[in-house]
Amino acid sequence: MKDSTAGRRFLTREGKRRLIHFGANRYGQYRAKLGASASLDHYDEQRRRSYYARHGPASDRNTAKYWAHRILW
């Protein structure tokens, strides 16, 4: 779902209690799996590996990190 808040790209509703904003509209991503903001896709494997090396694994569905990993990277 596209976010209307300035500077953010996506949001997700986790259950009925949590609203999670993730992704900045000023930065690129490996590939947006939802098809939105495809102009920012770079498909650069080295940047993708560097991103994961910096951020580490994401396992908690209640974090922006988890959703950025799933949708953007």
Protein backbone atom coordinates (compact mmCIF):
# COMPACT_ATOMS: atom_id res chain seq x y z
CA MET A 1 0.00 0.00 0.00
CA LYS A 2 1.39 3.42 -0.91
CA ASP A 3 1.96 5.78 2.00
CA SER A 4 0.79 9.40 1.90
CA THR A 5 3.30 10.52 4.54
CA ALA A 6 6.14 12.59 3.07
CA GLY A 7 9.41 10.68 2.74
CA ARG A 8 7.92 7.21 3.14
CA ARG A 9 7.04 4.81 0.40
CA PHE A 10 4.99 1.93 1.80
CA LEU A 11 2.97 0.96 4.82
CA THR A 12 1.51 -2.31 6.00
CA ARG A 13 -1.15 -3.13 8.53
CA GLU A 14 -0.13 -5.98 10.79
CA GLY A 15 -3.32 -7.20 12.41
CA LYS A 16 -5.46 -4.31 13.61
CA ARG A 17 -3.00 -2.87 16.10
CA ARG A 18 0.13 -1.99 14.21
CA LEU A 19 0.82 0.37 11.30
CA ILE A 20 4.34 -0.03 9.95
CA HIS A 21 5.93 2.51 7.60
CA PHE A 22 8.95 1.39 5.60
CA GLY A 23 11.02 2.52 2.62
CA ALA A 24 12.13 6.07 1.87
CA ASN A 25 11.11 7.56 -1.45
CA ARG A 26 14.54 9.17 -1.92
CA TYR A 27 16.44 5.86 -2.02
CA GLY A 28 16.62 2.99 -4.45
CA GLN A 29 15.95 -0.67 -3.79
CA TYR A 30 16.99 -3.90 -5.44
CA ARG A 31 13.51 -4.65 -6.78
CA ALA A 32 10.14 -3.57 -5.44
CA LYS A 33 8.14 -6.80 -5.47
CA LEU A 34 4.86 -4.90 -5.53
CA GLY A 35 5.78 -3.11 -8.75
CA ALA A 36 5.50 0.35 -7.22
CA SER A 37 8.40 2.78 -7.69
CA ALA A 38 10.05 0.59 -10.32
CA SER A 39 12.09 3.59 -11.46
CA LEU A 40 14.18 3.22 -8.29
CA ASP A 41 15.05 -0.45 -8.91
CA HIS A 42 18.77 -0.99 -9.49
CA TYR A 43 19.19 -4.82 -9.72
CA ASP A 44 22.76 -4.48 -8.43
CA GLU A 45 23.73 -7.71 -6.61
CA GLN A 46 26.73 -6.09 -4.87
CA ARG A 47 24.52 -3.35 -3.37
CA ARG A 48 22.04 -6.00 -2.28
CA ARG A 49 24.74 -8.05 -0.52
CA SER A 50 26.08 -4.89 1.14
CA TYR A 51 22.59 -3.96 2.34
CA TYR A 52 22.09 -7.36 3.98
CA ALA A 53 25.59 -7.28 5.48
CA ARG A 54 24.86 -3.90 7.09
CA HIS A 55 21.37 -4.70 8.32
CA GLY A 56 21.55 -8.39 9.19
CA PRO A 57 18.64 -10.83 9.28
CA ALA A 58 15.05 -9.76 9.89
CA SER A 59 12.64 -12.14 11.61
CA ASP A 60 10.17 -9.93 13.51
CA ARG A 61 7.11 -9.14 11.35
CA ASN A 62 6.42 -6.05 13.47
CA THR A 63 9.45 -4.13 12.20
CA ALA A 64 10.06 -1.97 9.15
CA LYS A 65 13.28 -3.91 8.62
CA TYR A 66 11.35 -7.15 8.05
CA TRP A 67 9.05 -5.57 5.46
CA ALA A 68 11.86 -3.74 3.68
CA HIS A 69 13.71 -7.06 3.37
CA ARG A 70 10.60 -8.84 2.05
CA ILE A 71 9.30 -6.18 -0.34
CA LEU A 72 12.21 -3.95 -1.39
CA TRP A 73 15.34 -6.07 -1.17
